[in-house]
Amino acid sequence: MSFAIVFLLEFILKIVVLGLSHYVKDKWNLLDSFVLLVLITVENLLLFLLFFIFAILGVELFGKLECSQEQSCSGLSNHENFKDFGLAPLTLFRVATGSNWNDIMKDTLRQDDSSVTEENKLTTMISPIYFITFVLITQLVLVDIIIAVLLKNPEMINDYDVDAEMGEEIELQRQVDLHDRNNFEQ
């Protein structure tokens, strides 16, 4: 974030010194402006970028795998596969949540009767690296998100405890007041 602030200061200084019309004429300045805009939102896009890269790799590596009667699949199906870029991120989302990802990896490890045997051997070597790397990264990101939420809101948790204690004290005070009122009336 500090880099983004320095980059923003440079952006502002260039506009002030050069003027807006001269700033816009230089293509490098336009690129700097675009980088600045992307840099501000990049924290939100990192997980999307990870899915995008792994989806492209998945389509390239496993897009030709076929599930049929002869070669059955336990993890891949018509709706969860790497045949096109539309289904690959959905399959990766399933892998990221830990839902049957090892069966999907097993399906990518099998030996197909393909004419390109060298490509098939390479795929069976890369598949465990691909899936284990993706699972580790996404699980770490999810754990980091959970930890960030827990560390960000400890005051809320303490406030709930204080509110619960306060409610109990108020209820006890009402009971004492009711008891005192009954004793006073007698």
N, C-alpha and C. Protein backbone atom coordinates (compact mmCIF):
# COMPACT_ATOMS: atom_id res chain seq x y z
N MET A 1 0.82 -1.19 0.00
CA MET A 1 0.00 0.00 0.00
C MET A 1 0.87 1.25 0.00
N SER A 2 2.01 1.21 0.67
CA SER A 2 2.89 2.38 0.69
C SER A 2 3.43 2.68 -0.70
N PHE A 3 3.67 1.61 -1.49
CA PHE A 3 4.12 1.81 -2.86
C PHE A 3 3.04 2.52 -3.66
N ALA A 4 1.79 2.19 -3.43
CA ALA A 4 0.68 2.84 -4.13
C ALA A 4 0.61 4.32 -3.77
N ILE A 5 0.90 4.65 -2.53
CA ILE A 5 0.88 6.06 -2.11
C ILE A 5 1.99 6.83 -2.80
N VAL A 6 3.19 6.26 -2.86
CA VAL A 6 4.31 6.91 -3.55
C VAL A 6 3.98 7.08 -5.03
N PHE A 7 3.40 6.06 -5.62
CA PHE A 7 3.02 6.11 -7.03
C PHE A 7 1.96 7.18 -7.26
N LEU A 8 1.01 7.32 -6.33
CA LEU A 8 -0.02 8.34 -6.42
C LEU A 8 0.59 9.74 -6.32
N LEU A 9 1.54 9.92 -5.43
CA LEU A 9 2.21 11.22 -5.32
C LEU A 9 2.95 11.57 -6.61
N GLU A 10 3.61 10.60 -7.21
CA GLU A 10 4.28 10.84 -8.48
C GLU A 10 3.27 11.22 -9.56
N PHE A 11 2.14 10.55 -9.58
CA PHE A 11 1.06 10.84 -10.53
C PHE A 11 0.59 12.28 -10.39
N ILE A 12 0.33 12.70 -9.16
CA ILE A 12 -0.15 14.06 -8.90
C ILE A 12 0.90 15.09 -9.28
N LEU A 13 2.16 14.85 -8.91
CA LEU A 13 3.23 15.79 -9.25
C LEU A 13 3.41 15.93 -10.76
N LYS A 14 3.33 14.85 -11.49
CA LYS A 14 3.46 14.92 -12.94
C LYS A 14 2.33 15.74 -13.56
N ILE A 15 1.13 15.57 -13.07
CA ILE A 15 0.00 16.34 -13.61
C ILE A 15 0.17 17.81 -13.29
N VAL A 16 0.63 18.12 -12.08
CA VAL A 16 0.83 19.52 -11.69
C VAL A 16 1.94 20.15 -12.52
N VAL A 17 3.06 19.46 -12.68
CA VAL A 17 4.22 20.02 -13.38
C VAL A 17 3.97 20.08 -14.89
N LEU A 18 3.51 19.00 -15.48
CA LEU A 18 3.34 18.94 -16.94
C LEU A 18 2.03 19.56 -17.41
N GLY A 19 1.05 19.55 -16.58
CA GLY A 19 -0.29 19.95 -17.01
C GLY A 19 -1.01 18.73 -17.56
N LEU A 20 -2.31 18.74 -17.47
CA LEU A 20 -3.10 17.58 -17.86
C LEU A 20 -2.97 17.26 -19.35
N SER A 21 -2.95 18.29 -20.19
CA SER A 21 -2.88 18.04 -21.65
C SER A 21 -1.55 17.40 -22.05
N HIS A 22 -0.44 17.86 -21.49
CA HIS A 22 0.87 17.25 -21.80
C HIS A 22 1.02 15.87 -21.16
N TYR A 23 0.42 15.70 -19.99
CA TYR A 23 0.49 14.41 -19.31
C TYR A 23 -0.20 13.32 -20.13
N VAL A 24 -1.34 13.64 -20.70
CA VAL A 24 -2.13 12.66 -21.45
C VAL A 24 -1.47 12.32 -22.78
N LYS A 25 -0.67 13.21 -23.35
CA LYS A 25 -0.04 12.96 -24.65
C LYS A 25 1.00 11.84 -24.59
N ASP A 26 1.66 11.68 -23.47
CA ASP A 26 2.69 10.65 -23.34
C ASP A 26 2.03 9.31 -22.97
N LYS A 27 2.28 8.30 -23.78
CA LYS A 27 1.67 6.98 -23.57
C LYS A 27 2.17 6.32 -22.28
N TRP A 28 3.41 6.59 -21.89
CA TRP A 28 3.93 6.01 -20.66
C TRP A 28 3.18 6.54 -19.45
N ASN A 29 2.79 7.80 -19.50
CA ASN A 29 2.01 8.36 -18.40
C ASN A 29 0.63 7.71 -18.31
N LEU A 30 0.04 7.41 -19.47
CA LEU A 30 -1.25 6.71 -19.46
C LEU A 30 -1.10 5.32 -18.86
N LEU A 31 0.00 4.66 -19.20
CA LEU A 31 0.27 3.35 -18.61
C LEU A 31 0.45 3.47 -17.09
N ASP A 32 1.17 4.50 -16.65
CA ASP A 32 1.33 4.73 -15.21
C ASP A 32 -0.02 4.94 -14.53
N SER A 33 -0.90 5.68 -15.18
CA SER A 33 -2.24 5.91 -14.61
C SER A 33 -3.01 4.61 -14.48
N PHE A 34 -2.93 3.79 -15.52
CA PHE A 34 -3.61 2.49 -15.49
C PHE A 34 -3.04 1.61 -14.38
N VAL A 35 -1.72 1.58 -14.26
CA VAL A 35 -1.07 0.78 -13.22
C VAL A 35 -1.50 1.27 -11.84
N LEU A 36 -1.61 2.57 -11.67
CA LEU A 36 -2.04 3.12 -10.39
C LEU A 36 -3.46 2.67 -10.05
N LEU A 37 -4.35 2.73 -11.03
CA LEU A 37 -5.73 2.30 -10.78
C LEU A 37 -5.80 0.81 -10.44
N VAL A 38 -5.03 0.01 -11.16
CA VAL A 38 -5.02 -1.43 -10.90
C VAL A 38 -4.36 -1.72 -9.56
N LEU A 39 -3.33 -0.98 -9.23
CA LEU A 39 -2.59 -1.20 -7.99
C LEU A 39 -3.46 -0.99 -6.76
N ILE A 40 -4.37 -0.06 -6.85
CA ILE A 40 -5.25 0.22 -5.72
C ILE A 40 -6.19 -0.96 -5.47
N THR A 41 -6.65 -1.61 -6.54
CA THR A 41 -7.60 -2.71 -6.38
C THR A 41 -6.95 -4.08 -6.47
N VAL A 42 -5.63 -4.14 -6.55
CA VAL A 42 -4.96 -5.41 -6.77
C VAL A 42 -5.12 -6.39 -5.61
N GLU A 43 -5.26 -5.88 -4.41
CA GLU A 43 -5.42 -6.78 -3.27
C GLU A 43 -6.67 -7.64 -3.43
N ASN A 44 -7.72 -7.05 -4.00
CA ASN A 44 -8.96 -7.79 -4.19
C ASN A 44 -8.88 -8.75 -5.37
N LEU A 45 -7.94 -8.52 -6.27
CA LEU A 45 -7.87 -9.31 -7.49
C LEU A 45 -6.88 -10.46 -7.42
N LEU A 46 -6.12 -10.58 -6.36
CA LEU A 46 -5.09 -11.61 -6.31
C LEU A 46 -5.66 -13.02 -6.36
N LEU A 47 -6.71 -13.28 -5.62
CA LEU A 47 -7.32 -14.61 -5.65
C LEU A 47 -7.95 -14.88 -7.02
N PHE A 48 -8.58 -13.86 -7.61
CA PHE A 48 -9.13 -14.01 -8.95
C PHE A 48 -8.02 -14.32 -9.95
N LEU A 49 -6.90 -13.62 -9.84
CA LEU A 49 -5.77 -13.85 -10.74
C LEU A 49 -5.22 -15.27 -10.57
N LEU A 50 -5.17 -15.76 -9.34
CA LEU A 50 -4.72 -17.12 -9.09
C LEU A 50 -5.63 -18.14 -9.78
N PHE A 51 -6.94 -17.96 -9.64
CA PHE A 51 -7.89 -18.85 -10.31
C PHE A 51 -7.75 -18.74 -11.82
N PHE A 52 -7.56 -17.54 -12.33
CA PHE A 52 -7.44 -17.32 -13.77
C PHE A 52 -6.22 -18.07 -14.33
N ILE A 53 -5.08 -17.93 -13.67
CA ILE A 53 -3.85 -18.58 -14.13
C ILE A 53 -3.98 -20.10 -14.06
N PHE A 54 -4.48 -20.60 -12.94
CA PHE A 54 -4.61 -22.05 -12.81
C PHE A 54 -5.68 -22.61 -13.74
N ALA A 55 -6.71 -21.83 -14.06
CA ALA A 55 -7.72 -22.29 -15.01
C ALA A 55 -7.12 -22.42 -16.40
N ILE A 56 -6.32 -21.45 -16.80
CA ILE A 56 -5.66 -21.54 -18.12
C ILE A 56 -4.73 -22.74 -18.16
N LEU A 57 -3.94 -22.92 -17.10
CA LEU A 57 -3.06 -24.09 -17.05
C LEU A 57 -3.85 -25.39 -17.07
N GLY A 58 -4.96 -25.44 -16.35
CA GLY A 58 -5.78 -26.64 -16.31
C GLY A 58 -6.36 -26.99 -17.67
N VAL A 59 -6.83 -25.98 -18.40
CA VAL A 59 -7.36 -26.22 -19.74
C VAL A 59 -6.25 -26.73 -20.65
N GLU A 60 -5.08 -26.14 -20.54
CA GLU A 60 -3.96 -26.55 -21.40
C GLU A 60 -3.47 -27.96 -21.06
N LEU A 61 -3.40 -28.28 -19.77
CA LEU A 61 -2.86 -29.57 -19.36
C LEU A 61 -3.89 -30.71 -19.43
N PHE A 62 -5.11 -30.44 -18.99
CA PHE A 62 -6.09 -31.51 -18.81
C PHE A 62 -7.32 -31.37 -19.69
N GLY A 63 -7.31 -30.47 -20.64
CA GLY A 63 -8.48 -30.21 -21.47
C GLY A 63 -8.86 -31.35 -22.38
N LYS A 64 -7.94 -32.25 -22.68
CA LYS A 64 -8.22 -33.34 -23.61
C LYS A 64 -8.64 -34.63 -22.91
N LEU A 65 -8.72 -34.62 -21.60
CA LEU A 65 -9.14 -35.83 -20.89
C LEU A 65 -10.61 -36.12 -21.16
N GLU A 66 -10.90 -37.36 -21.47
CA GLU A 66 -12.27 -37.77 -21.77
C GLU A 66 -12.75 -38.77 -20.72
N CYS A 67 -13.97 -38.59 -20.30
CA CYS A 67 -14.62 -39.56 -19.42
C CYS A 67 -15.64 -40.33 -20.25
N SER A 68 -15.51 -41.65 -20.23
CA SER A 68 -16.42 -42.49 -21.02
C SER A 68 -16.64 -43.80 -20.27
N GLN A 69 -17.34 -44.73 -20.92
CA GLN A 69 -17.57 -46.04 -20.32
C GLN A 69 -16.26 -46.80 -20.14
N GLU A 70 -15.36 -46.66 -21.13
CA GLU A 70 -14.08 -47.37 -21.06
C GLU A 70 -13.16 -46.75 -20.02
N GLN A 71 -13.18 -45.43 -19.94
CA GLN A 71 -12.33 -44.73 -18.97
C GLN A 71 -13.22 -43.89 -18.08
N SER A 72 -13.65 -44.49 -17.00
CA SER A 72 -14.57 -43.79 -16.11
C SER A 72 -13.82 -42.78 -15.26
N CYS A 73 -14.54 -41.78 -14.83
CA CYS A 73 -13.97 -40.72 -13.99
C CYS A 73 -14.71 -40.70 -12.66
N SER A 74 -13.97 -40.53 -11.60
CA SER A 74 -14.61 -40.44 -10.29
C SER A 74 -14.74 -39.00 -9.81
N GLY A 75 -13.91 -38.10 -10.35
CA GLY A 75 -13.97 -36.70 -9.93
C GLY A 75 -14.45 -35.78 -11.02
N LEU A 76 -14.03 -36.03 -12.24
CA LEU A 76 -14.43 -35.19 -13.37
C LEU A 76 -15.77 -35.67 -13.91
N SER A 77 -16.54 -34.74 -14.46
CA SER A 77 -17.84 -35.08 -15.05
C SER A 77 -18.12 -34.10 -16.18
N ASN A 78 -19.34 -34.11 -16.69
CA ASN A 78 -19.71 -33.17 -17.74
C ASN A 78 -19.72 -31.73 -17.25
N HIS A 79 -19.95 -31.54 -15.96
CA HIS A 79 -20.06 -30.20 -15.40
C HIS A 79 -18.80 -29.77 -14.65
N GLU A 80 -17.92 -30.69 -14.38
CA GLU A 80 -16.68 -30.39 -13.66
C GLU A 80 -15.52 -30.98 -14.43
N ASN A 81 -14.91 -30.13 -15.27
CA ASN A 81 -13.80 -30.59 -16.08
C ASN A 81 -12.97 -29.39 -16.53
N PHE A 82 -11.95 -29.67 -17.30
CA PHE A 82 -11.07 -28.62 -17.80
C PHE A 82 -11.16 -28.50 -19.32
N LYS A 83 -12.29 -28.90 -19.91
CA LYS A 83 -12.41 -28.88 -21.37
C LYS A 83 -12.44 -27.48 -21.94
N ASP A 84 -13.03 -26.53 -21.21
CA ASP A 84 -13.04 -25.15 -21.69
C ASP A 84 -12.82 -24.20 -20.51
N PHE A 85 -12.58 -22.95 -20.86
CA PHE A 85 -12.24 -21.98 -19.83
C PHE A 85 -13.45 -21.63 -18.95
N GLY A 86 -14.64 -21.86 -19.42
CA GLY A 86 -15.82 -21.57 -18.61
C GLY A 86 -16.00 -22.52 -17.44
N LEU A 87 -15.68 -23.79 -17.65
CA LEU A 87 -15.86 -24.79 -16.59
C LEU A 87 -14.63 -24.93 -15.69
N ALA A 88 -13.47 -24.56 -16.19
CA ALA A 88 -12.24 -24.74 -15.41
C ALA A 88 -12.25 -23.98 -14.09
N PRO A 89 -12.63 -22.68 -14.04
CA PRO A 89 -12.67 -22.00 -12.74
C PRO A 89 -13.67 -22.61 -11.77
N LEU A 90 -14.79 -23.11 -12.29
CA LEU A 90 -15.77 -23.76 -11.41
C LEU A 90 -15.21 -25.05 -10.82
N THR A 91 -14.48 -25.79 -11.65
CA THR A 91 -13.83 -27.00 -11.15
C THR A 91 -12.77 -26.64 -10.11
N LEU A 92 -12.03 -25.57 -10.37
CA LEU A 92 -11.02 -25.14 -9.40
C LEU A 92 -11.65 -24.65 -8.11
N PHE A 93 -12.83 -24.04 -8.19
CA PHE A 93 -13.51 -23.62 -6.97
C PHE A 93 -13.86 -24.85 -6.13
N ARG A 94 -14.29 -25.90 -6.80
CA ARG A 94 -14.57 -27.15 -6.09
C ARG A 94 -13.30 -27.70 -5.46
N VAL A 95 -12.19 -27.63 -6.17
CA VAL A 95 -10.91 -28.09 -5.63
C VAL A 95 -10.51 -27.23 -4.44
N ALA A 96 -10.69 -25.91 -4.54
CA ALA A 96 -10.30 -25.00 -3.47
C ALA A 96 -11.09 -25.23 -2.19
N THR A 97 -12.34 -25.65 -2.32
CA THR A 97 -13.14 -25.91 -1.13
C THR A 97 -12.85 -27.28 -0.53
N GLY A 98 -12.01 -28.07 -1.23
CA GLY A 98 -11.64 -29.38 -0.72
C GLY A 98 -12.64 -30.47 -1.04
N SER A 99 -13.58 -30.17 -1.92
CA SER A 99 -14.63 -31.13 -2.25
C SER A 99 -14.15 -32.11 -3.31
N ASN A 100 -13.72 -33.29 -2.88
CA ASN A 100 -13.36 -34.38 -3.77
C ASN A 100 -12.20 -34.04 -4.71
N TRP A 101 -11.30 -33.17 -4.27
CA TRP A 101 -10.23 -32.73 -5.17
C TRP A 101 -9.24 -33.85 -5.47
N ASN A 102 -9.07 -34.79 -4.55
CA ASN A 102 -8.14 -35.88 -4.80
C ASN A 102 -8.64 -36.81 -5.91
N ASP A 103 -9.96 -36.98 -6.04
CA ASP A 103 -10.49 -37.78 -7.16
C ASP A 103 -10.30 -37.06 -8.49
N ILE A 104 -10.43 -35.75 -8.47
CA ILE A 104 -10.17 -34.98 -9.70
C ILE A 104 -8.72 -35.14 -10.09
N MET A 105 -7.82 -35.08 -9.11
CA MET A 105 -6.40 -35.26 -9.41
C MET A 105 -6.14 -36.68 -9.92
N LYS A 106 -6.80 -37.69 -9.32
CA LYS A 106 -6.63 -39.07 -9.79
C LYS A 106 -7.05 -39.22 -11.25
N ASP A 107 -8.13 -38.54 -11.62
CA ASP A 107 -8.58 -38.61 -13.02
C ASP A 107 -7.56 -38.01 -13.97
N THR A 108 -6.84 -37.01 -13.52
CA THR A 108 -5.82 -36.40 -14.40
C THR A 108 -4.54 -37.22 -14.43
N LEU A 109 -4.38 -38.15 -13.52
CA LEU A 109 -3.17 -38.98 -13.49
C LEU A 109 -3.27 -40.23 -14.36
N ARG A 110 -4.44 -40.59 -14.78
CA ARG A 110 -4.61 -41.85 -15.50
C ARG A 110 -3.95 -41.79 -16.88
N GLN A 111 -3.63 -42.94 -17.38
CA GLN A 111 -3.00 -43.05 -18.70
C GLN A 111 -4.08 -43.17 -19.76
N ASP A 112 -4.13 -42.20 -20.65
CA ASP A 112 -5.08 -42.25 -21.77
C ASP A 112 -4.46 -43.00 -22.93
N ASP A 113 -5.31 -43.46 -23.81
CA ASP A 113 -4.84 -44.09 -25.04
C ASP A 113 -4.65 -43.00 -26.10
N SER A 114 -3.84 -42.03 -25.79
CA SER A 114 -3.66 -40.93 -26.74
C SER A 114 -2.47 -41.20 -27.63
N SER A 115 -2.50 -40.56 -28.76
CA SER A 115 -1.39 -40.73 -29.71
C SER A 115 -0.17 -39.96 -29.27
N VAL A 116 -0.35 -38.99 -28.39
CA VAL A 116 0.77 -38.18 -27.92
C VAL A 116 1.20 -38.72 -26.56
N THR A 117 2.07 -39.71 -26.54
CA THR A 117 2.44 -40.35 -25.28
C THR A 117 3.37 -39.48 -24.45
N GLU A 118 4.23 -38.70 -25.09
CA GLU A 118 5.14 -37.83 -24.32
C GLU A 118 4.35 -36.77 -23.56
N GLU A 119 3.35 -36.20 -24.20
CA GLU A 119 2.52 -35.19 -23.54
C GLU A 119 1.78 -35.82 -22.37
N ASN A 120 1.32 -37.04 -22.52
CA ASN A 120 0.61 -37.75 -21.48
C ASN A 120 1.52 -38.03 -20.28
N LYS A 121 2.77 -38.41 -20.53
CA LYS A 121 3.71 -38.64 -19.43
C LYS A 121 4.00 -37.35 -18.68
N LEU A 122 4.13 -36.26 -19.42
CA LEU A 122 4.38 -34.97 -18.79
C LEU A 122 3.19 -34.55 -17.93
N THR A 123 1.99 -34.79 -18.41
CA THR A 123 0.79 -34.43 -17.66
C THR A 123 0.71 -35.21 -16.36
N THR A 124 1.05 -36.50 -16.38
CA THR A 124 0.98 -37.29 -15.15
C THR A 124 2.05 -36.86 -14.15
N MET A 125 3.13 -36.27 -14.62
CA MET A 125 4.14 -35.75 -13.69
C MET A 125 3.74 -34.39 -13.13
N ILE A 126 3.10 -33.57 -13.95
CA ILE A 126 2.76 -32.21 -13.54
C ILE A 126 1.49 -32.17 -12.69
N SER A 127 0.58 -33.10 -12.90
CA SER A 127 -0.71 -33.08 -12.22
C SER A 127 -0.61 -32.99 -10.70
N PRO A 128 0.19 -33.81 -10.02
CA PRO A 128 0.28 -33.66 -8.56
C PRO A 128 0.84 -32.30 -8.14
N ILE A 129 1.82 -31.82 -8.88
CA ILE A 129 2.39 -30.50 -8.57
C ILE A 129 1.33 -29.42 -8.72
N TYR A 130 0.58 -29.49 -9.81
CA TYR A 130 -0.48 -28.52 -10.10
C TYR A 130 -1.52 -28.50 -8.98
N PHE A 131 -2.07 -29.65 -8.65
CA PHE A 131 -3.16 -29.70 -7.68
C PHE A 131 -2.69 -29.41 -6.26
N ILE A 132 -1.57 -29.96 -5.86
CA ILE A 132 -1.09 -29.72 -4.49
C ILE A 132 -0.72 -28.26 -4.31
N THR A 133 -0.09 -27.66 -5.30
CA THR A 133 0.24 -26.23 -5.21
C THR A 133 -1.03 -25.40 -5.11
N PHE A 134 -2.00 -25.69 -5.96
CA PHE A 134 -3.25 -24.92 -5.93
C PHE A 134 -3.98 -25.09 -4.59
N VAL A 135 -4.07 -26.31 -4.11
CA VAL A 135 -4.77 -26.55 -2.84
C VAL A 135 -4.05 -25.84 -1.69
N LEU A 136 -2.73 -25.94 -1.63
CA LEU A 136 -1.99 -25.28 -0.55
C LEU A 136 -2.17 -23.77 -0.58
N ILE A 137 -2.06 -23.18 -1.77
CA ILE A 137 -2.19 -21.72 -1.86
C ILE A 137 -3.60 -21.29 -1.47
N THR A 138 -4.62 -21.94 -2.00
CA THR A 138 -5.99 -21.52 -1.69
C THR A 138 -6.33 -21.77 -0.23
N GLN A 139 -5.86 -22.86 0.34
CA GLN A 139 -6.14 -23.12 1.75
C GLN A 139 -5.44 -22.09 2.64
N LEU A 140 -4.22 -21.72 2.28
CA LEU A 140 -3.52 -20.68 3.05
C LEU A 140 -4.24 -19.35 2.95
N VAL A 141 -4.73 -19.02 1.76
CA VAL A 141 -5.47 -17.76 1.59
C VAL A 141 -6.74 -17.79 2.43
N LEU A 142 -7.46 -18.90 2.42
CA LEU A 142 -8.69 -18.99 3.21
C LEU A 142 -8.40 -18.91 4.71
N VAL A 143 -7.33 -19.55 5.15
CA VAL A 143 -6.95 -19.47 6.56
C VAL A 143 -6.55 -18.04 6.91
N ASP A 144 -5.81 -17.37 6.03
CA ASP A 144 -5.43 -15.97 6.27
C ASP A 144 -6.66 -15.08 6.37
N ILE A 145 -7.65 -15.32 5.54
CA ILE A 145 -8.88 -14.52 5.60
C ILE A 145 -9.58 -14.73 6.94
N ILE A 146 -9.66 -15.97 7.38
CA ILE A 146 -10.31 -16.26 8.65
C ILE A 146 -9.54 -15.62 9.81
N ILE A 147 -8.23 -15.73 9.78
CA ILE A 147 -7.41 -15.12 10.84
C ILE A 147 -7.56 -13.61 10.83
N ALA A 148 -7.59 -13.01 9.64
CA ALA A 148 -7.75 -11.56 9.55
C ALA A 148 -9.08 -11.12 10.14
N VAL A 149 -10.13 -11.86 9.88
CA VAL A 149 -11.44 -11.51 10.43
C VAL A 149 -11.41 -11.64 11.95
N LEU A 150 -10.80 -12.71 12.45
CA LEU A 150 -10.75 -12.90 13.90
C LEU A 150 -9.89 -11.85 14.58
N LEU A 151 -8.78 -11.47 13.97
CA LEU A 151 -7.91 -10.47 14.58
C LEU A 151 -8.47 -9.07 14.45
N LYS A 152 -9.26 -8.85 13.41
CA LYS A 152 -9.80 -7.51 13.18
C LYS A 152 -10.92 -7.18 14.14
N ASN A 153 -11.65 -8.18 14.59
CA ASN A 153 -12.85 -7.92 15.38
C ASN A 153 -12.81 -8.48 16.79
N PRO A 154 -11.69 -8.42 17.51
CA PRO A 154 -11.75 -8.94 18.88
C PRO A 154 -12.59 -8.05 19.79
N GLU A 155 -12.68 -6.75 19.44
CA GLU A 155 -13.51 -5.86 20.25
C GLU A 155 -14.97 -6.27 20.18
N MET A 156 -15.40 -6.71 18.98
CA MET A 156 -16.79 -7.14 18.84
C MET A 156 -17.08 -8.34 19.72
N ILE A 157 -16.13 -9.27 19.78
CA ILE A 157 -16.32 -10.46 20.61
C ILE A 157 -16.39 -10.05 22.07
N ASN A 158 -15.51 -9.13 22.50
CA ASN A 158 -15.53 -8.65 23.87
C ASN A 158 -16.82 -7.89 24.16
N ASP A 159 -17.30 -7.10 23.18
CA ASP A 159 -18.55 -6.37 23.36
C ASP A 159 -19.72 -7.32 23.57
N TYR A 160 -19.74 -8.43 22.84
CA TYR A 160 -20.81 -9.41 23.02
C TYR A 160 -20.76 -10.00 24.43
N ASP A 161 -19.56 -10.27 24.94
CA ASP A 161 -19.43 -10.81 26.29
C ASP A 161 -19.90 -9.79 27.31
N VAL A 162 -19.52 -8.53 27.13
CA VAL A 162 -19.93 -7.47 28.05
C VAL A 162 -21.45 -7.30 27.99
N ASP A 163 -22.02 -7.33 26.79
CA ASP A 163 -23.47 -7.20 26.66
C ASP A 163 -24.19 -8.35 27.36
N ALA A 164 -23.67 -9.56 27.24
CA ALA A 164 -24.29 -10.71 27.90
C ALA A 164 -24.22 -10.56 29.42
N GLU A 165 -23.06 -10.13 29.93
CA GLU A 165 -22.91 -9.93 31.37
C GLU A 165 -23.83 -8.81 31.85
N MET A 166 -23.92 -7.74 31.06
CA MET A 166 -24.78 -6.62 31.42
C MET A 166 -26.24 -7.07 31.47
N GLY A 167 -26.65 -7.89 30.52
CA GLY A 167 -28.02 -8.41 30.52
C GLY A 167 -28.31 -9.25 31.74
N GLU A 168 -27.34 -10.07 32.14
CA GLU A 168 -27.52 -10.90 33.34
C GLU A 168 -27.62 -10.03 34.58
N GLU A 169 -26.79 -8.98 34.67
CA GLU A 169 -26.83 -8.09 35.83
C GLU A 169 -28.15 -7.33 35.90
N ILE A 170 -28.65 -6.89 34.74
CA ILE A 170 -29.93 -6.18 34.72
C ILE A 170 -31.05 -7.11 35.18
N GLU A 171 -31.03 -8.34 34.73
CA GLU A 171 -32.06 -9.30 35.12
C GLU A 171 -31.98 -9.58 36.63
N LEU A 172 -30.77 -9.73 37.16
CA LEU A 172 -30.61 -9.92 38.61
C LEU A 172 -31.12 -8.71 39.38
N GLN A 173 -30.83 -7.51 38.88
CA GLN A 173 -31.28 -6.29 39.56
C GLN A 173 -32.80 -6.21 39.55
N ARG A 174 -33.43 -6.60 38.45
CA ARG A 174 -34.90 -6.61 38.38
C ARG A 174 -35.48 -7.57 39.41
N GLN A 175 -34.86 -8.74 39.53
CA GLN A 175 -35.35 -9.71 40.50
C GLN A 175 -35.19 -9.19 41.93
N VAL A 176 -34.05 -8.54 42.21
CA VAL A 176 -33.82 -7.97 43.54
C VAL A 176 -34.83 -6.87 43.81
N ASP A 177 -35.06 -5.99 42.82
CA ASP A 177 -36.03 -4.91 42.99
C ASP A 177 -37.44 -5.46 43.22
N LEU A 178 -37.79 -6.48 42.47
CA LEU A 178 -39.11 -7.10 42.62
C LEU A 178 -39.24 -7.73 44.01
N HIS A 179 -38.19 -8.39 44.46
CA HIS A 179 -38.19 -9.00 45.79
C HIS A 179 -38.29 -7.93 46.87
N ASP A 180 -37.52 -6.83 46.73
CA ASP A 180 -37.57 -5.75 47.71
C ASP A 180 -38.94 -5.09 47.74
N ARG A 181 -39.54 -4.91 46.56
CA ARG A 181 -40.86 -4.29 46.48
C ARG A 181 -41.90 -5.18 47.18
N ASN A 182 -41.79 -6.48 46.98
CA ASN A 182 -42.73 -7.40 47.63
C ASN A 182 -42.54 -7.39 49.14
N ASN A 183 -41.29 -7.31 49.60
CA ASN A 183 -41.01 -7.26 51.04
C ASN A 183 -41.48 -5.93 51.63
N PHE A 184 -41.36 -4.84 50.89
CA PHE A 184 -41.77 -3.53 51.37
C PHE A 184 -43.29 -3.45 51.50
N GLU A 185 -44.01 -4.06 50.56
CA GLU A 185 -45.47 -4.03 50.59
C GLU A 185 -46.01 -4.87 51.73
N GLN A 186 -45.28 -5.87 52.17
CA GLN A 186 -45.76 -6.72 53.26
C GLN A 186 -45.49 -6.02 54.54
